[in-house]
Amino acid sequence: MNEDQFSAMLAIIVPPVIELITKNSNVDDAKAISRFYQSRLYQELSDEKSKLWHYGPMMLYTMYQDELLTGSYDYPEEA
């Protein structure tokens, strides 16, 4: 996947995650966006080699919540 394709992929993946954060937390869009972009999860997600972009928005949201609560998250096992 080239850089443009990966950027397009992130543009599709990130908004639903942000929507889940705002829907399930008491924060507005701007704060949710800021917090997500500052997270370790987003740093890894933005690296194509991490392959986190394979996961759906709900799984990424769950991983983000784990990071907030515990400071870390586990990679889910593939079925």
PDB file of N, CA and C in Angstrom:
ATOM      1  N   MET A   1       0.862  -1.168   0.000  1.00  0.00           N
ATOM      2  CA  MET A   1       0.000   0.000   0.000  1.00  0.00           C
ATOM      3  C   MET A   1       0.908   1.229   0.000  1.00  0.00           C
ATOM      4  N   ASN A   2       0.649   2.153  -0.904  1.00  0.00           N
ATOM      5  CA  ASN A   2       1.482   3.364  -0.920  1.00  0.00           C
ATOM      6  C   ASN A   2       0.962   4.389   0.098  1.00  0.00           C
ATOM      7  N   GLU A   3       1.711   5.466   0.251  1.00  0.00           N
ATOM      8  CA  GLU A   3       1.401   6.479   1.272  1.00  0.00           C
ATOM      9  C   GLU A   3       0.021   7.106   1.070  1.00  0.00           C
ATOM     10  N   ASP A   4      -0.356   7.401  -0.169  1.00  0.00           N
ATOM     11  CA  ASP A   4      -1.668   7.990  -0.443  1.00  0.00           C
ATOM     12  C   ASP A   4      -2.798   7.023  -0.103  1.00  0.00           C
ATOM     13  N   GLN A   5      -2.611   5.763  -0.444  1.00  0.00           N
ATOM     14  CA  GLN A   5      -3.625   4.761  -0.128  1.00  0.00           C
ATOM     15  C   GLN A   5      -3.772   4.598   1.383  1.00  0.00           C
ATOM     16  N   PHE A   6      -2.646   4.603   2.081  1.00  0.00           N
ATOM     17  CA  PHE A   6      -2.702   4.455   3.526  1.00  0.00           C
ATOM     18  C   PHE A   6      -3.367   5.668   4.176  1.00  0.00           C
ATOM     19  N   SER A   7      -3.061   6.860   3.703  1.00  0.00           N
ATOM     20  CA  SER A   7      -3.714   8.071   4.224  1.00  0.00           C
ATOM     21  C   SER A   7      -5.219   8.017   4.005  1.00  0.00           C
ATOM     22  N   ALA A   8      -5.628   7.526   2.840  1.00  0.00           N
ATOM     23  CA  ALA A   8      -7.057   7.387   2.551  1.00  0.00           C
ATOM     24  C   ALA A   8      -7.689   6.364   3.494  1.00  0.00           C
ATOM     25  N   MET A   9      -6.965   5.294   3.775  1.00  0.00           N
ATOM     26  CA  MET A   9      -7.457   4.271   4.699  1.00  0.00           C
ATOM     27  C   MET A   9      -7.662   4.863   6.094  1.00  0.00           C
ATOM     28  N   LEU A  10      -6.699   5.648   6.571  1.00  0.00           N
ATOM     29  CA  LEU A  10      -6.844   6.294   7.886  1.00  0.00           C
ATOM     30  C   LEU A  10      -8.038   7.234   7.907  1.00  0.00           C
ATOM     31  N   ALA A  11      -8.255   7.939   6.801  1.00  0.00           N
ATOM     32  CA  ALA A  11      -9.380   8.880   6.725  1.00  0.00           C
ATOM     33  C   ALA A  11     -10.718   8.162   6.810  1.00  0.00           C
ATOM     34  N   ILE A  12     -10.732   6.885   6.486  1.00  0.00           N
ATOM     35  CA  ILE A  12     -11.952   6.086   6.589  1.00  0.00           C
ATOM     36  C   ILE A  12     -12.092   5.471   7.980  1.00  0.00           C
ATOM     37  N   ILE A  13     -10.978   5.062   8.566  1.00  0.00           N
ATOM     38  CA  ILE A  13     -10.996   4.351   9.845  1.00  0.00           C
ATOM     39  C   ILE A  13     -11.202   5.279  11.044  1.00  0.00           C
ATOM     40  N   VAL A  14     -10.541   6.419  11.055  1.00  0.00           N
ATOM     41  CA  VAL A  14     -10.509   7.269  12.243  1.00  0.00           C
ATOM     42  C   VAL A  14     -11.869   7.901  12.597  1.00  0.00           C
ATOM     43  N   PRO A  15     -12.627   8.469  11.660  1.00  0.00           N
ATOM     44  CA  PRO A  15     -13.889   9.122  12.059  1.00  0.00           C
ATOM     45  C   PRO A  15     -14.869   8.245  12.844  1.00  0.00           C
ATOM     46  N   PRO A  16     -15.066   6.969  12.475  1.00  0.00           N
ATOM     47  CA  PRO A  16     -15.963   6.156  13.309  1.00  0.00           C
ATOM     48  C   PRO A  16     -15.434   5.922  14.726  1.00  0.00           C
ATOM     49  N   VAL A  17     -14.121   5.858  14.876  1.00  0.00           N
ATOM     50  CA  VAL A  17     -13.541   5.708  16.210  1.00  0.00           C
ATOM     51  C   VAL A  17     -13.817   6.964  17.029  1.00  0.00           C
ATOM     52  N   ILE A  18     -13.605   8.120  16.428  1.00  0.00           N
ATOM     53  CA  ILE A  18     -13.888   9.401  17.099  1.00  0.00           C
ATOM     54  C   ILE A  18     -15.368   9.468  17.478  1.00  0.00           C
ATOM     55  N   GLU A  19     -16.236   9.021  16.583  1.00  0.00           N
ATOM     56  CA  GLU A  19     -17.678   9.026  16.870  1.00  0.00           C
ATOM     57  C   GLU A  19     -17.996   8.150  18.076  1.00  0.00           C
ATOM     58  N   LEU A  20     -17.370   6.996  18.170  1.00  0.00           N
ATOM     59  CA  LEU A  20     -17.582   6.127  19.331  1.00  0.00           C
ATOM     60  C   LEU A  20     -17.083   6.779  20.618  1.00  0.00           C
ATOM     61  N   ILE A  21     -15.964   7.484  20.526  1.00  0.00           N
ATOM     62  CA  ILE A  21     -15.433   8.168  21.709  1.00  0.00           C
ATOM     63  C   ILE A  21     -16.414   9.234  22.182  1.00  0.00           C
ATOM     64  N   THR A  22     -16.908  10.067  21.285  1.00  0.00           N
ATOM     65  CA  THR A  22     -17.834  11.135  21.676  1.00  0.00           C
ATOM     66  C   THR A  22     -19.173  10.563  22.146  1.00  0.00           C
ATOM     67  N   LYS A  23     -19.612   9.489  21.520  1.00  0.00           N
ATOM     68  CA  LYS A  23     -20.893   8.875  21.886  1.00  0.00           C
ATOM     69  C   LYS A  23     -20.836   8.240  23.275  1.00  0.00           C
ATOM     70  N   ASN A  24     -19.709   7.648  23.621  1.00  0.00           N
ATOM     71  CA  ASN A  24     -19.599   6.890  24.864  1.00  0.00           C
ATOM     72  C   ASN A  24     -18.848   7.610  25.982  1.00  0.00           C
ATOM     73  N   SER A  25     -18.391   8.805  25.709  1.00  0.00           N
ATOM     74  CA  SER A  25     -17.674   9.596  26.718  1.00  0.00           C
ATOM     75  C   SER A  25     -18.336  10.952  26.828  1.00  0.00           C
ATOM     76  N   ASN A  26     -18.028  11.644  27.860  1.00  0.00           N
ATOM     77  CA  ASN A  26     -18.602  12.969  28.054  1.00  0.00           C
ATOM     78  C   ASN A  26     -17.641  14.037  27.522  1.00  0.00           C
ATOM     79  N   VAL A  27     -17.283  13.920  26.230  1.00  0.00           N
ATOM     80  CA  VAL A  27     -16.392  14.887  25.600  1.00  0.00           C
ATOM     81  C   VAL A  27     -16.946  15.289  24.241  1.00  0.00           C
ATOM     82  N   ASP A  28     -16.616  16.502  23.820  1.00  0.00           N
ATOM     83  CA  ASP A  28     -17.056  16.964  22.507  1.00  0.00           C
ATOM     84  C   ASP A  28     -16.102  16.448  21.422  1.00  0.00           C
ATOM     85  N   ASP A  29     -16.482  16.689  20.178  1.00  0.00           N
ATOM     86  CA  ASP A  29     -15.682  16.198  19.048  1.00  0.00           C
ATOM     87  C   ASP A  29     -14.239  16.677  19.100  1.00  0.00           C
ATOM     88  N   ALA A  30     -14.051  17.962  19.366  1.00  0.00           N
ATOM     89  CA  ALA A  30     -12.698  18.529  19.362  1.00  0.00           C
ATOM     90  C   ALA A  30     -11.810  17.857  20.399  1.00  0.00           C
ATOM     91  N   LYS A  31     -12.336  17.645  21.593  1.00  0.00           N
ATOM     92  CA  LYS A  31     -11.559  17.005  22.654  1.00  0.00           C
ATOM     93  C   LYS A  31     -11.297  15.538  22.325  1.00  0.00           C
ATOM     94  N   ALA A  32     -12.293  14.865  21.780  1.00  0.00           N
ATOM     95  CA  ALA A  32     -12.130  13.457  21.402  1.00  0.00           C
ATOM     96  C   ALA A  32     -11.050  13.321  20.333  1.00  0.00           C
ATOM     97  N   ILE A  33     -11.084  14.185  19.340  1.00  0.00           N
ATOM     98  CA  ILE A  33     -10.089  14.164  18.269  1.00  0.00           C
ATOM     99  C   ILE A  33      -8.700  14.407  18.843  1.00  0.00           C
ATOM    100  N   SER A  34      -8.576  15.424  19.661  1.00  0.00           N
ATOM    101  CA  SER A  34      -7.289  15.765  20.250  1.00  0.00           C
ATOM    102  C   SER A  34      -6.735  14.612  21.078  1.00  0.00           C
ATOM    103  N   ARG A  35      -7.555  14.044  21.927  1.00  0.00           N
ATOM    104  CA  ARG A  35      -7.100  12.943  22.784  1.00  0.00           C
ATOM    105  C   ARG A  35      -6.717  11.708  21.970  1.00  0.00           C
ATOM    106  N   PHE A  36      -7.530  11.395  20.965  1.00  0.00           N
ATOM    107  CA  PHE A  36      -7.224  10.217  20.154  1.00  0.00           C
ATOM    108  C   PHE A  36      -5.915  10.408  19.389  1.00  0.00           C
ATOM    109  N   TYR A  37      -5.737  11.580  18.782  1.00  0.00           N
ATOM    110  CA  TYR A  37      -4.506  11.824  18.021  1.00  0.00           C
ATOM    111  C   TYR A  37      -3.268  11.852  18.912  1.00  0.00           C
ATOM    112  N   GLN A  38      -3.423  12.103  20.207  1.00  0.00           N
ATOM    113  CA  GLN A  38      -2.287  12.114  21.128  1.00  0.00           C
ATOM    114  C   GLN A  38      -2.032  10.742  21.760  1.00  0.00           C
ATOM    115  N   SER A  39      -2.896   9.784  21.466  1.00  0.00           N
ATOM    116  CA  SER A  39      -2.768   8.471  22.085  1.00  0.00           C
ATOM    117  C   SER A  39      -1.664   7.633  21.430  1.00  0.00           C
ATOM    118  N   ARG A  40      -1.162   6.700  22.212  1.00  0.00           N
ATOM    119  CA  ARG A  40      -0.183   5.751  21.675  1.00  0.00           C
ATOM    120  C   ARG A  40      -0.834   4.893  20.588  1.00  0.00           C
ATOM    121  N   LEU A  41      -2.116   4.568  20.782  1.00  0.00           N
ATOM    122  CA  LEU A  41      -2.829   3.767  19.791  1.00  0.00           C
ATOM    123  C   LEU A  41      -2.809   4.457  18.432  1.00  0.00           C
ATOM    124  N   TYR A  42      -3.104   5.755  18.402  1.00  0.00           N
ATOM    125  CA  TYR A  42      -3.096   6.455  17.114  1.00  0.00           C
ATOM    126  C   TYR A  42      -1.696   6.483  16.519  1.00  0.00           C
ATOM    127  N   GLN A  43      -0.694   6.655  17.350  1.00  0.00           N
ATOM    128  CA  GLN A  43       0.687   6.659  16.841  1.00  0.00           C
ATOM    129  C   GLN A  43       0.994   5.337  16.145  1.00  0.00           C
ATOM    130  N   GLU A  44       0.552   4.241  16.736  1.00  0.00           N
ATOM    131  CA  GLU A  44       0.766   2.936  16.106  1.00  0.00           C
ATOM    132  C   GLU A  44      -0.133   2.751  14.889  1.00  0.00           C
ATOM    133  N   LEU A  45      -1.381   3.193  14.996  1.00  0.00           N
ATOM    134  CA  LEU A  45      -2.317   3.081  13.884  1.00  0.00           C
ATOM    135  C   LEU A  45      -1.800   3.824  12.658  1.00  0.00           C
ATOM    136  N   SER A  46      -1.153   4.954  12.873  1.00  0.00           N
ATOM    137  CA  SER A  46      -0.661   5.758  11.753  1.00  0.00           C
ATOM    138  C   SER A  46       0.612   5.190  11.129  1.00  0.00           C
ATOM    139  N   ASP A  47       1.120   4.102  11.686  1.00  0.00           N
ATOM    140  CA  ASP A  47       2.257   3.394  11.107  1.00  0.00           C
ATOM    141  C   ASP A  47       1.713   2.151  10.407  1.00  0.00           C
ATOM    142  N   GLU A  48       1.762   2.144   9.108  1.00  0.00           N
ATOM    143  CA  GLU A  48       1.191   1.035   8.332  1.00  0.00           C
ATOM    144  C   GLU A  48       1.731  -0.321   8.781  1.00  0.00           C
ATOM    145  N   LYS A  49       2.979  -0.360   9.179  1.00  0.00           N
ATOM    146  CA  LYS A  49       3.612  -1.627   9.563  1.00  0.00           C
ATOM    147  C   LYS A  49       2.964  -2.269  10.792  1.00  0.00           C
ATOM    148  N   SER A  50       2.280  -1.474  11.610  1.00  0.00           N
ATOM    149  CA  SER A  50       1.629  -2.024  12.800  1.00  0.00           C
ATOM    150  C   SER A  50       0.453  -2.920  12.442  1.00  0.00           C
ATOM    151  N   LYS A  51      -0.113  -2.699  11.272  1.00  0.00           N
ATOM    152  CA  LYS A  51      -1.280  -3.457  10.796  1.00  0.00           C
ATOM    153  C   LYS A  51      -2.524  -3.251  11.656  1.00  0.00           C
ATOM    154  N   LEU A  52      -2.528  -2.235  12.507  1.00  0.00           N
ATOM    155  CA  LEU A  52      -3.727  -1.950  13.302  1.00  0.00           C
ATOM    156  C   LEU A  52      -4.907  -1.545  12.432  1.00  0.00           C
ATOM    157  N   TRP A  53      -4.628  -1.051  11.243  1.00  0.00           N
ATOM    158  CA  TRP A  53      -5.705  -0.620  10.350  1.00  0.00           C
ATOM    159  C   TRP A  53      -6.552  -1.807   9.887  1.00  0.00           C
ATOM    160  N   HIS A  54      -6.128  -3.008  10.172  1.00  0.00           N
ATOM    161  CA  HIS A  54      -6.924  -4.195   9.851  1.00  0.00           C
ATOM    162  C   HIS A  54      -8.137  -4.313  10.769  1.00  0.00           C
ATOM    163  N   TYR A  55      -8.060  -3.730  11.951  1.00  0.00           N
ATOM    164  CA  TYR A  55      -9.142  -3.844  12.917  1.00  0.00           C
ATOM    165  C   TYR A  55     -10.248  -2.832  12.633  1.00  0.00           C
ATOM    166  N   GLY A  56     -11.453  -3.190  13.025  1.00  0.00           N
ATOM    167  CA  GLY A  56     -12.593  -2.306  12.834  1.00  0.00           C
ATOM    168  C   GLY A  56     -12.655  -1.223  13.900  1.00  0.00           C
ATOM    169  N   PRO A  57     -13.541  -0.240  13.695  1.00  0.00           N
ATOM    170  CA  PRO A  57     -13.662   0.877  14.634  1.00  0.00           C
ATOM    171  C   PRO A  57     -13.958   0.452  16.072  1.00  0.00           C
ATOM    172  N   MET A  58     -14.832  -0.543  16.273  1.00  0.00           N
ATOM    173  CA  MET A  58     -15.167  -0.956  17.633  1.00  0.00           C
ATOM    174  C   MET A  58     -13.961  -1.567  18.341  1.00  0.00           C
ATOM    175  N   MET A  59     -13.190  -2.365  17.638  1.00  0.00           N
ATOM    176  CA  MET A  59     -11.995  -2.957  18.236  1.00  0.00           C
ATOM    177  C   MET A  59     -10.976  -1.863  18.563  1.00  0.00           C
ATOM    178  N   LEU A  60     -10.793  -0.913  17.661  1.00  0.00           N
ATOM    179  CA  LEU A  60      -9.856   0.184  17.913  1.00  0.00           C
ATOM    180  C   LEU A  60     -10.335   1.036  19.087  1.00  0.00           C
ATOM    181  N   TYR A  61     -11.639   1.267  19.174  1.00  0.00           N
ATOM    182  CA  TYR A  61     -12.197   2.016  20.302  1.00  0.00           C
ATOM    183  C   TYR A  61     -11.928   1.274  21.616  1.00  0.00           C
ATOM    184  N   THR A  62     -12.134  -0.031  21.615  1.00  0.00           N
ATOM    185  CA  THR A  62     -11.885  -0.836  22.808  1.00  0.00           C
ATOM    186  C   THR A  62     -10.419  -0.763  23.206  1.00  0.00           C
ATOM    187  N   MET A  63      -9.538  -0.833  22.237  1.00  0.00           N
ATOM    188  CA  MET A  63      -8.104  -0.725  22.510  1.00  0.00           C
ATOM    189  C   MET A  63      -7.769   0.662  23.070  1.00  0.00           C
ATOM    190  N   TYR A  64      -8.411   1.699  22.525  1.00  0.00           N
ATOM    191  CA  TYR A  64      -8.209   3.066  23.005  1.00  0.00           C
ATOM    192  C   TYR A  64      -8.669   3.188  24.464  1.00  0.00           C
ATOM    193  N   GLN A  65      -9.834   2.618  24.769  1.00  0.00           N
ATOM    194  CA  GLN A  65     -10.345   2.650  26.142  1.00  0.00           C
ATOM    195  C   GLN A  65      -9.393   1.920  27.085  1.00  0.00           C
ATOM    196  N   ASP A  66      -8.873   0.792  26.646  1.00  0.00           N
ATOM    197  CA  ASP A  66      -7.891   0.066  27.461  1.00  0.00           C
ATOM    198  C   ASP A  66      -6.668   0.931  27.735  1.00  0.00           C
ATOM    199  N   GLU A  67      -6.205   1.639  26.712  1.00  0.00           N
ATOM    200  CA  GLU A  67      -5.058   2.526  26.890  1.00  0.00           C
ATOM    201  C   GLU A  67      -5.372   3.613  27.918  1.00  0.00           C
ATOM    202  N   LEU A  68      -6.560   4.192  27.851  1.00  0.00           N
ATOM    203  CA  LEU A  68      -6.939   5.233  28.806  1.00  0.00           C
ATOM    204  C   LEU A  68      -6.998   4.690  30.235  1.00  0.00           C
ATOM    205  N   LEU A  69      -7.560   3.504  30.396  1.00  0.00           N
ATOM    206  CA  LEU A  69      -7.769   2.940  31.731  1.00  0.00           C
ATOM    207  C   LEU A  69      -6.514   2.328  32.344  1.00  0.00           C
ATOM    208  N   THR A  70      -5.684   1.714  31.515  1.00  0.00           N
ATOM    209  CA  THR A  70      -4.546   0.969  32.050  1.00  0.00           C
ATOM    210  C   THR A  70      -3.188   1.481  31.588  1.00  0.00           C
ATOM    211  N   GLY A  71      -3.199   2.339  30.579  1.00  0.00           N
ATOM    212  CA  GLY A  71      -1.932   2.824  30.033  1.00  0.00           C
ATOM    213  C   GLY A  71      -1.378   1.931  28.934  1.00  0.00           C
ATOM    214  N   SER A  72      -2.080   0.827  28.643  1.00  0.00           N
ATOM    215  CA  SER A  72      -1.626  -0.052  27.574  1.00  0.00           C
ATOM    216  C   SER A  72      -2.840  -0.794  26.986  1.00  0.00           C
ATOM    217  N   TYR A  73      -2.586  -1.566  25.966  1.00  0.00           N
ATOM    218  CA  TYR A  73      -3.627  -2.369  25.338  1.00  0.00           C
ATOM    219  C   TYR A  73      -2.966  -3.601  24.740  1.00  0.00           C
ATOM    220  N   ASP A  74      -3.785  -4.604  24.523  1.00  0.00           N
ATOM    221  CA  ASP A  74      -3.304  -5.835  23.904  1.00  0.00           C
ATOM    222  C   ASP A  74      -3.795  -5.894  22.468  1.00  0.00           C
ATOM    223  N   TYR A  75      -2.990  -6.516  21.627  1.00  0.00           N
ATOM    224  CA  TYR A  75      -3.440  -6.763  20.263  1.00  0.00           C
ATOM    225  C   TYR A  75      -4.387  -7.944  20.301  1.00  0.00           C
ATOM    226  N   PRO A  76      -5.569  -7.802  19.713  1.00  0.00           N
ATOM    227  CA  PRO A  76      -6.518  -8.923  19.703  1.00  0.00           C
ATOM    228  C   PRO A  76      -5.962 -10.074  18.868  1.00  0.00           C
ATOM    229  N   GLU A  77      -6.328 -11.268  19.248  1.00  0.00           N
ATOM    230  CA  GLU A  77      -5.920 -12.432  18.466  1.00  0.00           C
ATOM    231  C   GLU A  77      -6.815 -12.538  17.251  1.00  0.00           C
ATOM    232  N   GLU A  78      -6.212 -12.854  16.124  1.00  0.00           N
ATOM    233  CA  GLU A  78      -6.983 -13.050  14.899  1.00  0.00           C
ATOM    234  C   GLU A  78      -7.674 -14.402  14.962  1.00  0.00           C
ATOM    235  N   ALA A  79      -8.909 -14.451  14.501  1.00  0.00           N
ATOM    236  CA  ALA A  79      -9.654 -15.720  14.512  1.00  0.00           C
ATOM    237  C   ALA A  79      -9.209 -16.592  13.356  1.00  0.00           C
TER     238      ALA A  79
END
